[in-house]
């Protein structure tokens, strides 16, 4: 999970260096996130079917190898064009990550422990943010930004080799059904979700707006620290690391607490905390120390919302469909990541960061409204008990 989004965390943490040394504008910096997550969003339904057919071990080894390739291309990019191609390639590992890891948890972890284990594995994304924001951003000062990216690429290859040796073997690939059966199989998650109170489409909508806000923070937090708060690149990168550490703690803690009876209310609660975090970022333009508090709050609340979504998917999905249900919810999240940064980038390029953070607060607010409406509907219909 850490490697699946490492490229985009690195681009965010190294944003000040990319703007200065690779000729990347603030708007183009946001476009890298759009390209990466737009690709992931489009490919996520396919990624879920790939994992369901070939198994989590093969999928995890493949996604780590693709991560290494994408990171290597980023490190070799002579300009923005190849950078965007590499980021697009990195969208496929993102599409595979949640379905593959969720399927592995269902196969290997007893039901009472799945919430805690899901939170731990979702915190891997924030481990990637920490690695990009502190050790790798610091290494960029010694090795250059390209050297830091190549270190990450080499580490991803080592992780792929470890995964092949350490994970249990998959069953032989399933024989694909005929076209009519496949069409029916693809429709099954949507039909089941509708019977269970519309879990998948509601979580996908919640994740869309949540992802738009989180992506803007990930992409522009370090650049905000340099351009508006006068921080050095290393200190600004530490903001991303702080967000990552807080996200690890938040995802593990909230996922452990997300029992079937309480979990439906958590997305709305976390979105409310995320709104407060975005407002703190807007105030940091005038009161600089608030940016550190805001970074922690984004990790504890906003970032944790995606982990709780995945816990809900595992609690409600029918047997054999966790990969596809996870992929559909992840597609909404990735679509938000694709949309959010370009909108923020238009404001950042003109120096209007305070307005950008208010836009993020609105995005988190809409996510919260979607979550509360679904939770109330779920309670009235008793879908959670039925599931």
Protein backbone atom coordinates (compact mmCIF):
# COMPACT_ATOMS: atom_id res chain seq x y z
CA UNK A 1 0.00 0.00 0.00
CA UNK A 2 2.90 2.37 0.73
CA UNK A 3 4.39 1.85 -2.72
CA UNK A 4 1.07 2.03 -4.58
CA UNK A 5 0.92 5.81 -4.07
CA UNK A 6 4.59 6.54 -3.41
CA UNK A 7 5.05 8.32 -6.74
CA UNK A 8 2.41 10.93 -6.01
CA UNK A 9 3.56 11.54 -2.44
CA UNK A 10 7.08 12.01 -3.79
CA UNK A 11 5.91 14.48 -6.40
CA UNK A 12 4.09 16.43 -3.68
CA UNK A 13 7.05 16.36 -1.26
CA UNK A 14 9.53 17.24 -4.02
CA UNK A 15 7.15 19.79 -5.56
CA UNK A 16 9.32 22.83 -4.73
CA UNK A 17 12.32 21.18 -6.42
CA UNK A 18 10.29 20.12 -9.46
CA UNK A 19 8.95 23.65 -9.88
CA UNK A 20 12.46 25.10 -9.68
CA UNK A 21 14.48 22.51 -11.61
CA UNK A 22 12.21 20.69 -14.04
CA UNK A 23 10.12 23.60 -15.26
CA UNK A 24 6.89 22.28 -13.73
CA UNK A 25 4.28 24.95 -13.04
CA UNK A 26 1.93 24.86 -10.07
CA UNK A 27 -0.96 23.94 -12.36
CA UNK A 28 1.04 21.15 -14.04
CA UNK A 29 2.00 19.83 -10.61
CA UNK A 30 -1.70 19.35 -9.92
CA UNK A 31 -2.15 17.75 -13.34
CA UNK A 32 0.27 14.96 -12.38
CA UNK A 33 -2.18 13.91 -9.69
CA UNK A 34 -5.05 14.14 -12.16
CA UNK A 35 -3.29 11.89 -14.65
CA UNK A 36 -2.27 9.32 -12.04
CA UNK A 37 -5.59 9.03 -10.29
CA UNK A 38 -7.64 9.47 -13.44
CA UNK A 39 -5.89 6.39 -14.80
CA UNK A 40 -6.43 4.55 -11.51
CA UNK A 41 -10.12 5.45 -11.45
CA UNK A 42 -10.72 4.18 -14.98
CA UNK A 43 -8.77 0.97 -14.38
CA UNK A 44 -10.08 0.18 -10.87
CA UNK A 45 -13.08 -1.96 -11.96
CA UNK A 46 -10.73 -3.93 -14.24
CA UNK A 47 -8.20 -4.18 -11.40
CA UNK A 48 -10.81 -5.75 -9.15
CA UNK A 49 -11.62 -8.42 -11.75
CA UNK A 50 -7.91 -9.11 -12.31
CA UNK A 51 -7.40 -9.71 -8.59
CA UNK A 52 -10.51 -11.88 -8.29
CA UNK A 53 -9.28 -14.02 -11.18
CA UNK A 54 -5.50 -14.27 -10.62
CA UNK A 55 -5.23 -13.93 -6.84
CA UNK A 56 -3.68 -11.41 -4.46
CA UNK A 57 -0.09 -12.72 -4.52
CA UNK A 58 0.33 -12.35 -8.28
CA UNK A 59 -1.41 -8.97 -8.20
CA UNK A 60 0.76 -7.63 -5.37
CA UNK A 61 4.02 -8.72 -7.01
CA UNK A 62 2.90 -7.19 -10.30
CA UNK A 63 1.88 -3.88 -8.75
CA UNK A 64 5.22 -3.55 -6.90
CA UNK A 65 7.13 -4.19 -10.13
CA UNK A 66 5.03 -1.58 -11.92
CA UNK A 67 5.67 0.88 -9.08
CA UNK A 68 9.41 0.39 -9.53
CA UNK A 69 9.11 1.01 -13.27
CA UNK A 70 7.00 4.15 -12.82
CA UNK A 71 9.36 5.57 -10.19
CA UNK A 72 12.37 4.82 -12.39
CA UNK A 73 10.78 6.72 -15.29
CA UNK A 74 9.99 9.68 -13.02
CA UNK A 75 13.63 9.80 -11.97
CA UNK A 76 14.74 9.75 -15.61
CA UNK A 77 12.19 12.32 -16.88
CA UNK A 78 13.91 15.15 -18.76
CA UNK A 79 10.76 17.27 -18.67
CA UNK A 80 7.04 17.33 -17.89
CA UNK A 81 5.98 15.05 -20.78
CA UNK A 82 7.72 11.86 -19.60
CA UNK A 83 6.82 12.77 -16.02
CA UNK A 84 3.12 12.61 -16.95
CA UNK A 85 3.60 9.31 -18.82
CA UNK A 86 5.29 7.77 -15.78
CA UNK A 87 2.54 8.99 -13.47
CA UNK A 88 -0.10 7.50 -15.77
CA UNK A 89 1.69 4.13 -15.67
CA UNK A 90 1.62 4.37 -11.87
CA UNK A 91 -2.18 4.44 -11.99
CA UNK A 92 -2.36 0.67 -12.56
CA UNK A 93 -0.68 -0.27 -9.25
CA UNK A 94 -3.09 2.08 -7.50
CA UNK A 95 -6.02 0.29 -9.16
CA UNK A 96 -4.75 -3.10 -7.96
CA UNK A 97 -3.74 -2.15 -4.41
CA UNK A 98 -7.03 -2.11 -2.49
CA UNK A 99 -8.61 -5.16 -4.19
CA UNK A 100 -5.43 -7.23 -3.78
CA UNK A 101 -4.82 -6.37 -0.14
CA UNK A 102 -8.49 -6.72 0.82
CA UNK A 103 -8.67 -10.15 -0.81
CA UNK A 104 -5.52 -11.17 1.07
CA UNK A 105 -7.10 -10.10 4.36
CA UNK A 106 -10.31 -12.04 3.67
CA UNK A 107 -8.28 -15.12 2.83
CA UNK A 108 -5.87 -15.04 5.77
CA UNK A 109 -7.44 -13.11 8.68
CA UNK A 110 -10.27 -14.18 10.98
CA UNK A 111 -13.37 -11.97 10.84
CA UNK A 112 -12.99 -10.39 14.34
CA UNK A 113 -9.51 -9.09 13.44
CA UNK A 114 -10.22 -7.82 9.94
CA UNK A 115 -11.04 -4.26 11.01
CA UNK A 116 -7.75 -3.83 12.84
CA UNK A 117 -5.73 -5.48 10.08
CA UNK A 118 -7.48 -3.37 7.42
CA UNK A 119 -6.60 -0.22 9.33
CA UNK A 120 -2.99 -1.35 9.59
CA UNK A 121 -2.70 -2.05 5.88
CA UNK A 122 -4.48 1.20 4.92
CA UNK A 123 -1.96 3.02 7.10
CA UNK A 124 0.65 1.79 4.64
CA UNK A 125 -0.43 4.60 2.33
CA UNK A 126 0.52 7.09 5.02
CA UNK A 127 3.77 5.23 5.61
CA UNK A 128 4.46 6.10 1.98
CA UNK A 129 3.67 9.74 2.74
CA UNK A 130 6.07 9.67 5.69
CA UNK A 131 8.82 8.09 3.61
CA UNK A 132 8.36 10.64 0.84
CA UNK A 133 8.16 13.59 3.21
CA UNK A 134 11.11 12.87 5.49
CA UNK A 135 13.80 10.33 4.53
CA UNK A 136 13.40 10.62 0.76
CA UNK A 137 12.93 14.40 0.76
CA UNK A 138 16.02 14.65 2.97
CA UNK A 139 17.92 12.30 0.65
CA UNK A 140 17.10 14.64 -2.20
CA UNK A 141 19.34 17.20 -0.52
CA UNK A 142 22.27 14.74 -0.77
CA UNK A 143 21.51 12.73 -3.91
CA UNK A 144 19.39 15.22 -5.83
CA UNK A 145 15.70 14.72 -6.43
CA UNK A 146 16.33 12.14 -9.15
CA UNK A 147 18.57 10.09 -6.86
CA UNK A 148 15.89 10.06 -4.17
CA UNK A 149 13.28 8.78 -6.64
CA UNK A 150 15.64 6.05 -7.89
CA UNK A 151 16.21 4.90 -4.30
CA UNK A 152 12.44 4.49 -3.97
CA UNK A 153 12.34 2.53 -7.27
CA UNK A 154 15.03 0.12 -6.10
CA UNK A 155 13.23 -0.41 -2.81
CA UNK A 156 10.01 -1.26 -4.67
CA UNK A 157 11.87 -3.99 -6.61
CA UNK A 158 13.15 -5.46 -3.36
CA UNK A 159 9.59 -5.42 -2.00
CA UNK A 160 8.36 -7.29 -5.11
CA UNK A 161 10.96 -10.01 -4.57
CA UNK A 162 10.00 -10.28 -0.90
CA UNK A 163 6.28 -10.52 -1.72
CA UNK A 164 6.89 -13.40 -4.14
CA UNK A 165 8.78 -15.34 -1.47
CA UNK A 166 6.67 -14.47 1.58
CA UNK A 167 3.03 -14.58 0.46
CA UNK A 168 1.10 -17.86 0.14
CA UNK A 169 0.68 -19.15 -3.39
CA UNK A 170 -2.48 -18.29 -5.27
CA UNK A 171 -4.83 -20.85 -6.71
CA UNK A 172 -4.59 -21.39 -10.48
CA UNK A 173 -6.23 -18.54 -12.41
CA UNK A 174 -9.97 -18.96 -12.69
CA UNK A 175 -11.35 -19.90 -16.10
CA UNK A 176 -13.31 -16.86 -17.33
CA UNK A 177 -17.03 -17.46 -17.79
CA UNK A 178 -18.79 -16.83 -21.08
CA UNK A 179 -19.64 -13.27 -22.03
CA UNK A 180 -23.20 -13.36 -20.69
CA UNK A 181 -22.08 -14.75 -17.33
CA UNK A 182 -19.28 -12.19 -17.14
CA UNK A 183 -21.73 -9.36 -17.72
CA UNK A 184 -23.97 -10.71 -14.99
CA UNK A 185 -20.95 -11.10 -12.68
CA UNK A 186 -19.85 -7.50 -13.23
CA UNK A 187 -23.35 -6.26 -12.45
CA UNK A 188 -23.60 -8.33 -9.27
CA UNK A 189 -21.80 -5.90 -6.92
CA UNK A 190 -24.08 -3.06 -7.93
CA UNK A 191 -27.25 -5.14 -7.46
CA UNK A 192 -26.12 -6.46 -4.09
CA UNK A 193 -25.09 -2.97 -2.98
CA UNK A 194 -28.55 -1.66 -3.81
CA UNK A 195 -30.17 -4.38 -1.71
CA UNK A 196 -27.86 -3.53 1.21
CA UNK A 197 -28.86 0.12 1.36
CA UNK A 198 -26.70 1.23 -1.55
CA UNK A 199 -23.38 0.78 0.24
CA UNK A 200 -21.04 0.78 -2.75
CA UNK A 201 -22.45 3.77 -4.69
CA UNK A 202 -22.80 5.85 -1.50
CA UNK A 203 -19.27 5.07 -0.38
CA UNK A 204 -18.00 5.82 -3.87
CA UNK A 205 -19.70 9.25 -3.78
CA UNK A 206 -18.32 9.93 -0.28
CA UNK A 207 -14.85 8.89 -1.45
CA UNK A 208 -15.06 11.14 -4.52
CA UNK A 209 -15.32 14.34 -2.45
CA UNK A 210 -13.02 13.08 0.30
CA UNK A 211 -10.38 12.20 -2.28
CA UNK A 212 -10.62 15.62 -3.95
CA UNK A 213 -9.74 17.34 -0.68
CA UNK A 214 -7.03 14.90 0.42
CA UNK A 215 -5.31 15.04 -2.97
CA UNK A 216 -5.12 18.83 -2.84
CA UNK A 217 -3.48 18.67 0.58
CA UNK A 218 -1.04 15.94 -0.49
CA UNK A 219 -0.03 17.79 -3.65
CA UNK A 220 0.22 21.36 -2.38
CA UNK A 221 0.99 21.25 1.35
CA UNK A 222 4.78 21.34 0.89
CA UNK A 223 4.57 24.00 -1.82
CA UNK A 224 2.29 26.06 0.43
CA UNK A 225 4.89 25.87 3.17
CA UNK A 226 7.62 27.16 0.84
CA UNK A 227 5.71 29.79 -1.12
CA UNK A 228 3.44 31.29 1.55
CA UNK A 229 5.00 30.39 4.90
CA UNK A 230 8.66 30.86 3.97
CA UNK A 231 9.80 27.34 4.90
CA UNK A 232 12.79 25.62 3.37
CA UNK A 233 12.10 22.59 1.13
CA UNK A 234 13.21 20.07 3.79
CA UNK A 235 11.01 21.61 6.50
CA UNK A 236 8.08 21.78 4.09
CA UNK A 237 8.63 18.12 3.23
CA UNK A 238 8.45 17.37 6.95
CA UNK A 239 4.85 18.63 6.86
CA UNK A 240 4.01 15.73 4.54
CA UNK A 241 5.81 13.36 6.91
CA UNK A 242 3.81 14.66 9.89
CA UNK A 243 0.61 14.16 7.94
CA UNK A 244 1.73 10.63 7.14
CA UNK A 245 2.46 9.69 10.76
CA UNK A 246 -0.88 11.13 11.92
CA UNK A 247 -2.62 9.22 9.13
CA UNK A 248 -1.05 5.94 10.27
CA UNK A 249 -2.28 6.46 13.82
CA UNK A 250 -5.72 7.62 12.65
CA UNK A 251 -6.29 4.77 10.22
CA UNK A 252 -5.28 2.10 12.71
CA UNK A 253 -7.25 3.65 15.58
CA UNK A 254 -10.47 4.40 13.72
CA UNK A 255 -10.46 1.05 11.91
CA UNK A 256 -10.10 -0.83 15.20
CA UNK A 257 -13.08 1.08 16.57
CA UNK A 258 -15.21 0.52 13.45
CA UNK A 259 -17.39 -2.33 14.67
CA UNK A 260 -20.37 -3.21 12.43
CA UNK A 261 -22.74 -1.22 14.65
CA UNK A 262 -20.63 1.94 14.77
CA UNK A 263 -18.80 1.93 11.45
CA UNK A 264 -21.64 3.48 9.37
CA UNK A 265 -21.43 6.70 11.41
CA UNK A 266 -17.66 7.08 11.21
CA UNK A 267 -17.34 8.48 7.65
CA UNK A 268 -19.55 11.48 8.48
CA UNK A 269 -17.75 12.05 11.78
CA UNK A 270 -14.33 11.94 10.14
CA UNK A 271 -15.41 14.27 7.35
CA UNK A 272 -16.52 16.81 9.97
CA UNK A 273 -13.05 16.71 11.54
CA UNK A 274 -11.53 17.08 8.06
CA UNK A 275 -13.51 20.29 7.50
CA UNK A 276 -11.98 21.73 10.68
CA UNK A 277 -8.51 20.70 9.49
CA UNK A 278 -8.97 22.51 6.16
CA UNK A 279 -10.13 25.65 7.95
CA UNK A 280 -6.96 25.52 10.08
CA UNK A 281 -4.89 25.44 6.90
CA UNK A 282 -6.69 28.57 5.69
CA UNK A 283 -5.93 30.28 9.01
CA UNK A 284 -2.28 29.23 8.82
CA UNK A 285 -1.76 31.92 6.18
CA UNK A 286 -2.03 34.36 9.11
CA UNK A 287 -0.98 32.13 12.05
CA UNK A 288 1.85 29.97 10.72
CA UNK A 289 2.13 27.38 13.56
CA UNK A 290 -1.42 26.24 12.80
CA UNK A 291 -0.12 24.50 9.68
CA UNK A 292 1.42 21.77 11.86
CA UNK A 293 -1.82 21.27 13.79
CA UNK A 294 -3.71 21.16 10.50
CA UNK A 295 -1.35 18.55 9.04
CA UNK A 296 -1.99 16.30 12.05
CA UNK A 297 -5.76 16.85 11.82
CA UNK A 298 -5.85 16.01 8.10
CA UNK A 299 -4.10 12.74 8.88
CA UNK A 300 -6.27 11.81 11.87
CA UNK A 301 -9.61 12.68 10.22
CA UNK A 302 -9.54 13.06 6.42
CA UNK A 303 -7.03 10.36 5.62
CA UNK A 304 -8.69 7.91 8.02
CA UNK A 305 -12.00 8.16 6.16
CA UNK A 306 -10.75 5.95 3.33
CA UNK A 307 -9.67 3.22 5.75
CA UNK A 308 -13.11 3.15 7.38
CA UNK A 309 -14.68 2.90 3.91
CA UNK A 310 -12.65 -0.23 3.25
CA UNK A 311 -13.66 -1.69 6.62
CA UNK A 312 -17.31 -1.18 5.64
CA UNK A 313 -16.70 -2.90 2.29
CA UNK A 314 -15.20 -5.94 4.02
CA UNK A 315 -18.06 -6.05 6.52
CA UNK A 316 -20.79 -5.89 3.88
CA UNK A 317 -19.44 -7.53 0.71
CA UNK A 318 -20.79 -10.91 -0.33
CA UNK A 319 -18.30 -13.80 -0.58
CA UNK A 320 -16.09 -13.64 -3.66
CA UNK A 321 -16.92 -10.02 -4.46
CA UNK A 322 -14.68 -8.07 -2.09
CA UNK A 323 -12.19 -7.36 -4.89
CA UNK A 324 -14.75 -5.79 -7.20
CA UNK A 325 -16.59 -3.91 -4.43
CA UNK A 326 -13.27 -2.52 -3.14
CA UNK A 327 -12.34 -1.49 -6.67
CA UNK A 328 -15.61 0.37 -7.25
CA UNK A 329 -15.27 2.35 -4.01
CA UNK A 330 -11.61 3.01 -4.80
CA UNK A 331 -12.61 4.27 -8.26
CA UNK A 332 -14.64 7.04 -6.61
CA UNK A 333 -11.71 7.91 -4.35
CA UNK A 334 -9.28 8.01 -7.27
CA UNK A 335 -11.67 10.13 -9.33
CA UNK A 336 -11.65 12.67 -6.50
CA UNK A 337 -7.86 12.64 -6.52
CA UNK A 338 -7.97 13.36 -10.24
CA UNK A 339 -10.38 16.30 -9.94
CA UNK A 340 -9.22 18.08 -6.78
CA UNK A 341 -5.63 19.22 -7.45
CA UNK A 342 -6.22 20.97 -10.81
CA UNK A 343 -8.95 23.10 -9.23
CA UNK A 344 -6.66 23.91 -6.31
CA UNK A 345 -3.77 24.54 -8.70
CA UNK A 346 -5.62 27.39 -10.41
CA UNK A 347 -5.80 29.16 -7.05
CA UNK A 348 -2.25 28.23 -5.99
CA UNK A 349 -0.74 29.61 -9.18
CA UNK A 350 -2.16 33.03 -8.35
CA UNK A 351 -1.10 32.75 -4.69
CA UNK A 352 -4.64 32.33 -3.31
CA UNK A 353 -3.89 29.45 -0.99
CA UNK A 354 -6.38 30.59 1.63
CA UNK A 355 -9.18 30.30 -0.92
CA UNK A 356 -7.81 26.93 -2.00
CA UNK A 357 -8.05 25.57 1.56
CA UNK A 358 -11.61 26.88 1.80
CA UNK A 359 -12.39 24.94 -1.37
CA UNK A 360 -10.96 21.83 0.32
CA UNK A 361 -13.20 22.48 3.35
CA UNK A 362 -16.24 22.57 1.05
CA UNK A 363 -15.20 19.27 -0.57
CA UNK A 364 -14.85 17.62 2.83
CA UNK A 365 -18.21 19.10 3.85
CA UNK A 366 -19.98 17.56 0.87
CA UNK A 367 -18.36 14.20 1.65
CA UNK A 368 -19.68 14.47 5.21
CA UNK A 369 -23.19 15.28 4.01
CA UNK A 370 -23.21 12.24 1.71
CA UNK A 371 -21.98 10.02 4.56
CA UNK A 372 -24.58 11.24 7.07
CA UNK A 373 -27.45 10.80 4.60
CA UNK A 374 -26.36 7.23 3.87
CA UNK A 375 -25.86 6.37 7.56
CA UNK A 376 -29.36 7.57 8.43
CA UNK A 377 -30.83 5.64 5.51
CA UNK A 378 -28.86 2.56 6.51
CA UNK A 379 -30.22 2.73 10.06
CA UNK A 380 -33.81 3.11 8.84
CA UNK A 381 -33.60 0.18 6.42
CA UNK A 382 -31.62 -2.06 8.79
CA UNK A 383 -29.29 -2.97 5.90
CA UNK A 384 -26.33 -3.33 8.21
CA UNK A 385 -28.05 -5.96 10.30
CA UNK A 386 -29.20 -7.79 7.19
CA UNK A 387 -25.70 -7.79 5.75
